[in-house]
């Protein structure tokens, strides 16, 4: 018997085939996620769910046609983002991804383009917004009425909300009358794909996905309906939460489909072989995660549901590997100005330059928060300790890599003391797997042994593994 795992990433979609008995990874297929939609507003980050669905169906069929002994299909992928579906379970909106920036818009931002006070029928929270703004401004009229949508939700509900979180996006859409008239439910893109593969008309989602949307009570494993309805939002649009890990239905040919697992949780499941190890993942963004049996949360650390009654403490960077790709693009744009087309992989050259730069010890201090943070979009990246001796491409490359490590290490320092110090650091994601220098930097920064699992495409493997665990 075999299982299929599908990981719906922001830039790629991956499928894997796993042997049920040995848990061996038999095959992987990775395709670019070509679903990005043109944005009418600069803050929008949208993808087409129809293209994603077609890609996932094709990838599943690739294995289903050639193997008659498929036992289950597991789904995972990008968290936080949402789309809307109608009563028949069909998408009626684009996917508003985790990178969408509408939650960082303030009430006075001209990009909103609408009078929010005339478009909501719940005056209680409107008055509260004005009151919170007054506190935020500390009596200074010049500072009043600037609270962002995410900032207001955090202050109003007590939950740490950020731009890109599904309920932040949903609230913005509600205020600005952007929810489709035929929308019946909201869900994440992995939930939508699982729902369609399992022939469901309504989403049934794992707690790991539900919690990623925000306003979720992890101790009671359900959305905080009081917080939701106090904002004028309908509780009826929230998806049903599955009772733990389960199958949510079957394909047309009777193959069970699991409730979609968060990609952070799926990667953790695939990569970890001990409870006290810490996972660092570098993809488009980056994350640091560790398992705990005691809920804990702070301004920058999320407590995410994991499997059963366990949790993951996670700190997330918006840039991560994206910062390295920004530098790659910078180099390629510079070469193009001189009419030069690189003959070798730019990443390979950058990796080599970083190794060479590490030998002379004049390190740059690079802050790689080029996209800000979930808590503060106004934070920018920076470069310090810039000297004549280290004004070279290799030093900039090395500085970016060290900055990726430093941001995750700073998040790690905010973990509770009972989960520190760590002895083993597990690296996942192509950002670490493909970069020997980054591996060295993580080990030295955390002062811990770094291991790289043999399993590639960890998230896809993890959700496929979950399907086998349910058999």
Protein backbone atom coordinates (compact mmCIF):
# COMPACT_ATOMS: atom_id res chain seq x y z
CA UNK A 1 0.00 0.00 0.00
CA UNK A 2 1.02 3.60 -0.61
CA UNK A 3 -0.06 7.10 0.33
CA UNK A 4 0.02 10.45 -1.43
CA UNK A 5 0.99 13.73 0.20
CA UNK A 6 0.40 17.12 -1.44
CA UNK A 7 1.93 20.37 -0.18
CA UNK A 8 0.43 23.60 -1.58
CA UNK A 9 3.21 26.11 -1.13
CA UNK A 10 3.24 29.77 -2.04
CA UNK A 11 5.64 29.36 -4.96
CA UNK A 12 5.57 25.60 -5.61
CA UNK A 13 3.19 22.66 -5.24
CA UNK A 14 4.71 19.30 -4.38
CA UNK A 15 3.37 15.77 -4.31
CA UNK A 16 5.03 12.68 -2.84
CA UNK A 17 4.42 8.93 -2.87
CA UNK A 18 5.14 7.00 0.34
CA UNK A 19 5.41 3.25 0.93
CA UNK A 20 2.94 2.38 3.70
CA UNK A 21 5.04 -0.38 5.26
CA UNK A 22 8.55 1.06 5.23
CA UNK A 23 7.59 4.77 5.17
CA UNK A 24 10.07 5.12 2.33
CA UNK A 25 9.71 8.12 0.06
CA UNK A 26 9.21 6.54 -3.36
CA UNK A 27 8.77 9.58 -5.58
CA UNK A 28 8.39 13.36 -5.58
CA UNK A 29 7.01 15.79 -8.15
CA UNK A 30 7.32 19.55 -7.78
CA UNK A 31 5.64 22.11 -10.00
CA UNK A 32 5.65 25.90 -9.88
CA UNK A 33 2.56 27.46 -8.36
CA UNK A 34 1.43 29.55 -11.33
CA UNK A 35 -1.74 30.83 -9.71
CA UNK A 36 -0.62 34.36 -8.81
CA UNK A 37 -3.18 36.99 -9.81
CA UNK A 38 -2.54 40.59 -10.76
CA UNK A 39 -3.23 42.90 -7.82
CA UNK A 40 -5.45 45.94 -8.15
CA UNK A 41 -3.97 47.30 -4.91
CA UNK A 42 -0.31 47.26 -3.91
CA UNK A 43 -1.07 45.48 -0.63
CA UNK A 44 -2.90 42.56 -2.27
CA UNK A 45 -1.36 39.11 -2.60
CA UNK A 46 -3.85 36.92 -4.44
CA UNK A 47 -3.83 33.49 -6.08
CA UNK A 48 -6.35 31.64 -8.23
CA UNK A 49 -7.82 28.62 -6.38
CA UNK A 50 -9.04 27.06 -9.66
CA UNK A 51 -5.48 26.82 -10.98
CA UNK A 52 -4.28 25.37 -7.68
CA UNK A 53 -7.11 22.82 -7.68
CA UNK A 54 -6.37 21.72 -11.25
CA UNK A 55 -2.68 21.34 -10.43
CA UNK A 56 -3.39 19.27 -7.30
CA UNK A 57 -5.86 17.02 -9.11
CA UNK A 58 -3.34 16.42 -11.88
CA UNK A 59 -0.61 15.61 -9.37
CA UNK A 60 -2.85 13.19 -7.48
CA UNK A 61 -3.96 11.52 -10.71
CA UNK A 62 -0.33 11.09 -11.71
CA UNK A 63 -0.03 8.53 -8.89
CA UNK A 64 -3.58 7.23 -8.89
CA UNK A 65 -3.36 6.17 -12.53
CA UNK A 66 -0.06 4.35 -12.14
CA UNK A 67 -0.67 2.78 -8.70
CA UNK A 68 -3.75 0.76 -7.78
CA UNK A 69 -2.88 0.43 -4.07
CA UNK A 70 -3.17 4.03 -2.83
CA UNK A 71 -4.44 3.93 0.75
CA UNK A 72 -4.85 7.64 1.54
CA UNK A 73 -4.27 11.20 0.39
CA UNK A 74 -2.90 13.82 2.77
CA UNK A 75 -3.01 17.56 2.17
CA UNK A 76 -1.00 20.41 3.65
CA UNK A 77 0.14 23.84 2.57
CA UNK A 78 0.27 27.52 3.26
CA UNK A 79 -1.55 28.58 6.41
CA UNK A 80 -3.31 31.80 7.49
CA UNK A 81 -4.70 32.79 4.06
CA UNK A 82 -8.38 32.37 3.15
CA UNK A 83 -10.80 32.06 0.29
CA UNK A 84 -14.60 32.03 0.23
CA UNK A 85 -16.77 29.15 -0.98
CA UNK A 86 -20.49 28.96 -1.78
CA UNK A 87 -23.14 26.50 -0.58
CA UNK A 88 -21.95 23.96 -3.14
CA UNK A 89 -18.36 24.14 -1.96
CA UNK A 90 -17.08 26.07 -4.99
CA UNK A 91 -14.63 28.94 -4.66
CA UNK A 92 -16.23 32.35 -5.18
CA UNK A 93 -13.17 34.48 -4.45
CA UNK A 94 -9.44 34.49 -5.01
CA UNK A 95 -7.14 33.12 -2.34
CA UNK A 96 -6.03 35.98 -0.08
CA UNK A 97 -2.62 34.57 0.84
CA UNK A 98 -0.67 34.81 4.10
CA UNK A 99 1.40 37.57 2.49
CA UNK A 100 -1.60 39.82 1.88
CA UNK A 101 -1.03 43.24 3.45
CA UNK A 102 -4.52 44.65 3.93
CA UNK A 103 -4.32 44.11 7.68
CA UNK A 104 -1.54 46.72 7.89
CA UNK A 105 -3.73 49.43 6.38
CA UNK A 106 -4.75 52.21 8.75
CA UNK A 107 -8.13 53.92 8.80
CA UNK A 108 -6.62 57.04 7.30
CA UNK A 109 -4.86 55.22 4.49
CA UNK A 110 -6.11 56.47 1.13
CA UNK A 111 -5.80 52.96 -0.32
CA UNK A 112 -8.83 51.80 1.66
CA UNK A 113 -10.98 53.81 -0.71
CA UNK A 114 -14.18 53.58 1.34
CA UNK A 115 -15.91 55.15 4.31
CA UNK A 116 -15.81 52.31 6.81
CA UNK A 117 -18.17 54.02 9.25
CA UNK A 118 -20.97 54.00 6.68
CA UNK A 119 -20.41 50.38 5.67
CA UNK A 120 -20.78 48.49 8.95
CA UNK A 121 -23.95 47.99 10.89
CA UNK A 122 -22.33 47.30 14.29
CA UNK A 123 -21.62 50.67 15.88
CA UNK A 124 -20.28 49.18 19.10
CA UNK A 125 -16.94 48.13 17.65
CA UNK A 126 -16.72 51.36 15.62
CA UNK A 127 -16.91 53.39 18.83
CA UNK A 128 -14.37 51.03 20.39
CA UNK A 129 -11.99 51.57 17.49
CA UNK A 130 -12.14 55.32 18.09
CA UNK A 131 -11.57 54.79 21.82
CA UNK A 132 -8.56 52.53 21.23
CA UNK A 133 -7.18 55.02 18.73
CA UNK A 134 -7.41 57.73 21.34
CA UNK A 135 -5.40 55.62 23.75
CA UNK A 136 -2.94 54.80 20.99
CA UNK A 137 -2.49 58.49 20.26
CA UNK A 138 -2.10 59.34 23.97
CA UNK A 139 -4.13 62.49 23.53
CA UNK A 140 -2.16 63.80 20.57
CA UNK A 141 -4.63 64.50 17.77
CA UNK A 142 -1.90 64.06 15.18
CA UNK A 143 -1.47 60.44 16.28
CA UNK A 144 -5.15 59.52 16.51
CA UNK A 145 -7.11 57.36 14.08
CA UNK A 146 -4.04 55.57 12.71
CA UNK A 147 -4.58 52.12 14.18
CA UNK A 148 -4.34 49.41 11.53
CA UNK A 149 -6.95 46.73 11.01
CA UNK A 150 -4.67 44.11 12.57
CA UNK A 151 -3.74 46.43 15.41
CA UNK A 152 -7.37 47.17 16.16
CA UNK A 153 -8.26 43.48 16.22
CA UNK A 154 -5.41 42.75 18.61
CA UNK A 155 -6.44 45.53 20.96
CA UNK A 156 -10.15 44.74 20.73
CA UNK A 157 -10.09 40.94 21.01
CA UNK A 158 -6.94 40.26 23.03
CA UNK A 159 -5.69 37.84 20.37
CA UNK A 160 -2.39 38.56 18.62
CA UNK A 161 -3.64 39.34 15.14
CA UNK A 162 -1.49 40.16 12.12
CA UNK A 163 -1.89 41.01 8.50
CA UNK A 164 -2.32 37.85 6.43
CA UNK A 165 -4.23 36.06 9.21
CA UNK A 166 -7.52 34.84 7.78
CA UNK A 167 -9.73 36.62 10.28
CA UNK A 168 -7.84 39.89 9.77
CA UNK A 169 -8.40 39.58 6.04
CA UNK A 170 -12.04 38.62 6.60
CA UNK A 171 -12.62 41.62 8.87
CA UNK A 172 -11.10 44.00 6.34
CA UNK A 173 -13.25 42.50 3.60
CA UNK A 174 -16.33 42.84 5.80
CA UNK A 175 -15.64 46.48 6.58
CA UNK A 176 -15.01 47.29 2.92
CA UNK A 177 -17.87 45.16 1.52
CA UNK A 178 -15.53 42.82 -0.36
CA UNK A 179 -17.09 39.52 0.73
CA UNK A 180 -18.84 37.92 -2.26
CA UNK A 181 -22.61 37.89 -1.92
CA UNK A 182 -22.76 34.14 -2.52
CA UNK A 183 -20.03 33.30 0.03
CA UNK A 184 -21.20 30.71 2.58
CA UNK A 185 -17.93 29.73 4.30
CA UNK A 186 -14.30 30.71 4.50
CA UNK A 187 -11.37 28.27 4.66
CA UNK A 188 -7.68 27.93 3.81
CA UNK A 189 -6.48 26.74 0.42
CA UNK A 190 -5.38 23.28 1.71
CA UNK A 191 -8.84 22.90 3.30
CA UNK A 192 -10.44 23.77 -0.02
CA UNK A 193 -8.37 21.25 -1.96
CA UNK A 194 -9.07 18.53 0.62
CA UNK A 195 -12.77 19.36 0.53
CA UNK A 196 -12.95 19.12 -3.24
CA UNK A 197 -10.94 15.89 -3.41
CA UNK A 198 -13.17 14.38 -0.71
CA UNK A 199 -16.39 15.43 -2.49
CA UNK A 200 -17.57 17.63 0.38
CA UNK A 201 -19.69 20.75 0.02
CA UNK A 202 -18.55 22.30 3.29
CA UNK A 203 -15.06 22.63 4.76
CA UNK A 204 -14.05 20.45 7.70
CA UNK A 205 -10.71 21.64 8.97
CA UNK A 206 -8.00 20.48 11.36
CA UNK A 207 -7.32 22.62 14.43
CA UNK A 208 -3.87 23.50 13.09
CA UNK A 209 -5.49 25.31 10.16
CA UNK A 210 -8.27 26.82 12.25
CA UNK A 211 -5.82 28.32 14.72
CA UNK A 212 -3.81 29.92 11.91
CA UNK A 213 -6.78 32.13 11.03
CA UNK A 214 -6.78 33.92 14.38
CA UNK A 215 -9.35 34.51 17.15
CA UNK A 216 -8.99 30.85 18.06
CA UNK A 217 -9.13 29.56 21.63
CA UNK A 218 -6.50 26.81 21.63
CA UNK A 219 -7.42 25.63 25.13
CA UNK A 220 -11.01 24.91 24.08
CA UNK A 221 -10.11 24.05 20.46
CA UNK A 222 -12.64 26.36 18.86
CA UNK A 223 -13.06 29.85 17.49
CA UNK A 224 -13.88 32.55 20.01
CA UNK A 225 -17.40 33.24 18.79
CA UNK A 226 -17.82 36.11 21.22
CA UNK A 227 -14.84 37.91 19.71
CA UNK A 228 -15.99 37.14 16.18
CA UNK A 229 -19.58 38.31 16.56
CA UNK A 230 -18.59 41.42 18.52
CA UNK A 231 -17.01 42.65 15.30
CA UNK A 232 -20.21 42.27 13.31
CA UNK A 233 -18.93 39.09 11.65
CA UNK A 234 -21.22 36.11 11.15
CA UNK A 235 -20.21 32.96 13.02
CA UNK A 236 -22.03 30.95 10.34
CA UNK A 237 -19.21 31.60 7.87
CA UNK A 238 -16.60 29.90 10.04
CA UNK A 239 -15.61 26.39 8.95
CA UNK A 240 -16.41 23.34 11.05
CA UNK A 241 -13.44 22.08 13.07
CA UNK A 242 -12.62 18.38 12.91
CA UNK A 243 -12.31 16.36 16.09
CA UNK A 244 -8.57 15.80 15.92
CA UNK A 245 -6.80 14.07 13.08
CA UNK A 246 -9.26 12.33 10.79
CA UNK A 247 -10.40 11.54 7.28
CA UNK A 248 -12.95 14.04 6.00
CA UNK A 249 -14.25 12.00 3.07
CA UNK A 250 -13.28 9.94 0.06
CA UNK A 251 -12.44 10.53 -3.58
CA UNK A 252 -14.67 9.30 -6.39
CA UNK A 253 -12.74 6.02 -6.28
CA UNK A 254 -13.07 5.58 -2.51
CA UNK A 255 -9.64 6.75 -1.33
CA UNK A 256 -9.73 8.47 2.10
CA UNK A 257 -8.63 12.12 2.28
CA UNK A 258 -7.30 13.57 5.55
CA UNK A 259 -8.23 16.90 7.07
CA UNK A 260 -5.50 19.27 5.85
CA UNK A 261 -2.63 19.72 8.30
CA UNK A 262 -0.77 23.01 8.68
CA UNK A 263 2.50 23.03 6.76
CA UNK A 264 4.48 23.87 9.89
CA UNK A 265 2.93 20.90 11.70
CA UNK A 266 3.39 18.60 8.71
CA UNK A 267 7.08 19.51 8.40
CA UNK A 268 7.54 18.95 12.12
CA UNK A 269 5.90 15.52 11.93
CA UNK A 270 8.17 14.53 9.05
CA UNK A 271 11.40 15.85 10.50
CA UNK A 272 11.46 15.21 14.23
CA UNK A 273 12.59 12.05 15.99
CA UNK A 274 12.72 13.40 19.55
CA UNK A 275 10.45 15.67 21.58
CA UNK A 276 13.22 18.00 22.75
CA UNK A 277 14.60 18.90 19.33
CA UNK A 278 13.93 22.24 17.66
CA UNK A 279 12.99 22.67 14.01
CA UNK A 280 14.17 25.53 11.82
CA UNK A 281 12.57 25.78 8.40
CA UNK A 282 13.70 28.16 5.68
CA UNK A 283 11.45 28.52 2.66
CA UNK A 284 9.88 31.70 1.30
CA UNK A 285 9.41 32.66 4.94
CA UNK A 286 11.16 30.98 7.85
CA UNK A 287 10.06 29.46 11.14
CA UNK A 288 11.45 28.05 14.34
CA UNK A 289 9.31 25.49 16.17
CA UNK A 290 9.45 23.27 19.22
CA UNK A 291 6.87 20.91 20.70
CA UNK A 292 5.30 21.44 24.11
CA UNK A 293 2.45 20.01 26.13
CA UNK A 294 1.76 23.34 27.85
CA UNK A 295 0.16 26.23 25.94
CA UNK A 296 2.28 29.37 25.87
CA UNK A 297 1.95 32.53 23.82
CA UNK A 298 3.58 35.94 23.60
CA UNK A 299 3.57 38.89 21.23
CA UNK A 300 5.95 37.20 18.77
CA UNK A 301 5.54 33.52 19.63
CA UNK A 302 2.48 31.60 18.44
CA UNK A 303 1.19 28.53 20.23
CA UNK A 304 -0.17 26.30 17.50
CA UNK A 305 -2.20 23.12 17.89
CA UNK A 306 -0.20 20.07 16.84
CA UNK A 307 -1.37 16.45 17.12
CA UNK A 308 -3.65 15.25 19.88
CA UNK A 309 -3.18 17.42 22.97
CA UNK A 310 0.26 18.75 22.04
CA UNK A 311 1.28 22.16 20.71
CA UNK A 312 4.02 23.78 18.68
CA UNK A 313 5.60 27.01 19.80
CA UNK A 314 6.48 28.84 16.61
CA UNK A 315 8.26 32.05 15.75
CA UNK A 316 7.91 33.18 12.14
CA UNK A 317 9.82 35.48 9.84
CA UNK A 318 8.09 37.04 6.84
CA UNK A 319 11.23 37.03 4.72
CA UNK A 320 13.43 34.03 5.50
CA UNK A 321 14.61 32.56 2.23
CA UNK A 322 12.92 35.40 0.37
CA UNK A 323 15.67 37.73 1.56
CA UNK A 324 18.24 35.49 -0.14
CA UNK A 325 16.24 35.53 -3.36
CA UNK A 326 16.07 39.34 -3.17
CA UNK A 327 19.88 39.43 -3.17
CA UNK A 328 19.94 36.97 -6.06
CA UNK A 329 17.63 39.24 -8.05
CA UNK A 330 19.82 42.23 -7.18
CA UNK A 331 22.91 40.51 -8.56
CA UNK A 332 21.10 39.42 -11.73
CA UNK A 333 19.65 42.90 -12.30
CA UNK A 334 23.12 44.39 -11.92
CA UNK A 335 24.60 41.95 -14.43
CA UNK A 336 21.76 42.67 -16.85
CA UNK A 337 22.65 46.39 -16.78
CA UNK A 338 26.07 45.39 -18.13
CA UNK A 339 24.51 43.08 -20.71
CA UNK A 340 25.72 39.94 -18.95
CA UNK A 341 23.68 36.76 -18.65
CA UNK A 342 24.91 34.42 -15.89
CA UNK A 343 26.32 31.18 -17.25
CA UNK A 344 26.02 29.34 -13.94
CA UNK A 345 23.39 29.12 -11.22
CA UNK A 346 23.36 32.43 -9.38
CA UNK A 347 22.59 30.64 -6.11
CA UNK A 348 25.60 28.36 -6.52
CA UNK A 349 27.89 31.33 -7.07
CA UNK A 350 26.38 33.12 -4.05
CA UNK A 351 26.87 30.06 -1.86
CA UNK A 352 30.52 29.86 -2.88
CA UNK A 353 31.05 33.59 -2.29
CA UNK A 354 29.58 33.29 1.21
CA UNK A 355 31.97 30.47 2.10
CA UNK A 356 34.93 32.51 0.84
CA UNK A 357 33.77 35.60 2.75
CA UNK A 358 33.48 33.65 6.01
CA UNK A 359 37.24 33.08 5.94
CA UNK A 360 38.33 36.72 6.46
CA UNK A 361 36.18 37.54 9.51
CA UNK A 362 34.90 41.05 8.64
CA UNK A 363 31.23 40.17 8.97
CA UNK A 364 28.41 42.54 8.12
CA UNK A 365 25.45 42.83 10.48
CA UNK A 366 22.37 42.52 8.27
CA UNK A 367 18.82 42.80 9.56
CA UNK A 368 16.76 40.79 7.05
CA UNK A 369 13.33 42.03 8.15
CA UNK A 370 12.78 43.56 4.71
CA UNK A 371 9.05 42.79 4.88
CA UNK A 372 8.68 43.98 8.47
CA UNK A 373 7.22 41.58 11.01
CA UNK A 374 3.73 40.27 11.69
CA UNK A 375 3.53 42.67 14.59
CA UNK A 376 5.01 45.75 12.91
CA UNK A 377 5.04 46.27 9.16
CA UNK A 378 7.02 49.50 9.54
CA UNK A 379 10.20 47.68 10.59
CA UNK A 380 12.82 47.71 7.84
CA UNK A 381 16.01 45.85 7.11
CA UNK A 382 19.42 47.39 7.67
CA UNK A 383 23.14 46.86 7.17
CA UNK A 384 25.69 47.71 9.87
CA UNK A 385 29.44 47.32 10.33
CA UNK A 386 30.00 48.23 6.70
CA UNK A 387 33.68 48.91 6.05
CA UNK A 388 36.03 49.15 3.12
CA UNK A 389 37.29 45.65 3.91
CA UNK A 390 33.87 44.02 3.67
CA UNK A 391 32.31 46.05 0.86
CA UNK A 392 32.19 42.98 -1.40
CA UNK A 393 29.43 40.79 -2.87
CA UNK A 394 30.48 37.80 -0.80
CA UNK A 395 30.22 39.77 2.43
CA UNK A 396 26.71 40.93 1.56
CA UNK A 397 25.79 37.34 0.77
CA UNK A 398 27.19 36.05 4.04
CA UNK A 399 25.50 38.89 5.93
CA UNK A 400 22.09 37.98 4.50
CA UNK A 401 22.55 34.35 5.54
CA UNK A 402 23.60 35.33 9.05
CA UNK A 403 20.63 37.69 9.22
CA UNK A 404 18.25 34.81 8.45
CA UNK A 405 19.76 32.87 11.36
CA UNK A 406 19.75 35.84 13.71
CA UNK A 407 16.08 36.61 13.21
CA UNK A 408 15.08 33.05 14.11
CA UNK A 409 17.53 32.97 17.03
CA UNK A 410 16.03 36.17 18.43
CA UNK A 411 12.61 34.51 18.28
CA UNK A 412 14.04 31.42 20.00
CA UNK A 413 15.24 33.54 22.93
CA UNK A 414 11.59 34.39 23.60
CA UNK A 415 10.60 30.74 24.10
CA UNK A 416 9.81 29.80 27.73
CA UNK A 417 12.75 28.61 29.77
CA UNK A 418 11.34 25.11 30.25
CA UNK A 419 11.96 24.26 26.58
CA UNK A 420 15.51 25.62 26.51
CA UNK A 421 18.34 25.02 25.95
CA UNK A 422 18.09 22.75 22.95
CA UNK A 423 20.65 20.09 22.14
CA UNK A 424 19.57 19.22 18.61
CA UNK A 425 18.55 21.54 15.82
CA UNK A 426 16.76 20.02 12.83
CA UNK A 427 16.87 21.89 9.53
CA UNK A 428 14.21 21.64 6.86
CA UNK A 429 13.28 23.44 3.68
CA UNK A 430 15.35 23.94 0.56
CA UNK A 431 16.77 27.18 1.94
CA UNK A 432 18.79 25.16 4.47
CA UNK A 433 19.08 21.91 2.58
CA UNK A 434 20.71 23.51 -0.47
CA UNK A 435 23.07 25.86 1.37
CA UNK A 436 26.04 24.40 3.32
CA UNK A 437 27.08 27.83 4.61
CA UNK A 438 23.62 28.46 6.06
CA UNK A 439 23.82 25.10 7.82
CA UNK A 440 27.12 26.09 9.44
CA UNK A 441 25.72 29.44 10.52
CA UNK A 442 22.66 27.89 12.17
CA UNK A 443 24.82 25.41 14.10
CA UNK A 444 27.19 28.12 15.33
CA UNK A 445 24.45 30.66 16.09
CA UNK A 446 22.39 28.20 18.15
CA UNK A 447 25.44 26.36 19.52
CA UNK A 448 23.73 23.08 18.76
CA UNK A 449 24.21 20.16 16.43
CA UNK A 450 22.29 20.61 13.19
CA UNK A 451 20.85 17.59 11.43
CA UNK A 452 19.21 17.50 8.01
CA UNK A 453 16.66 14.68 7.58
CA UNK A 454 17.04 12.42 4.57
CA UNK A 455 13.41 13.09 3.67
CA UNK A 456 13.04 15.96 1.24
CA UNK A 457 9.78 17.86 0.76
CA UNK A 458 9.08 17.51 4.45
CA UNK A 459 5.61 19.04 4.52
CA UNK A 460 4.27 16.82 1.73
CA UNK A 461 5.84 13.78 3.36
CA UNK A 462 4.42 14.70 6.76
CA UNK A 463 0.82 15.00 5.58
CA UNK A 464 1.17 11.74 3.63
CA UNK A 465 2.52 10.12 6.78
CA UNK A 466 -0.48 11.37 8.75
CA UNK A 467 -2.81 9.59 6.34
CA UNK A 468 -1.01 6.33 7.06
CA UNK A 469 -1.17 6.89 10.82
CA UNK A 470 -4.98 7.04 10.61
CA UNK A 471 -5.30 3.66 8.87
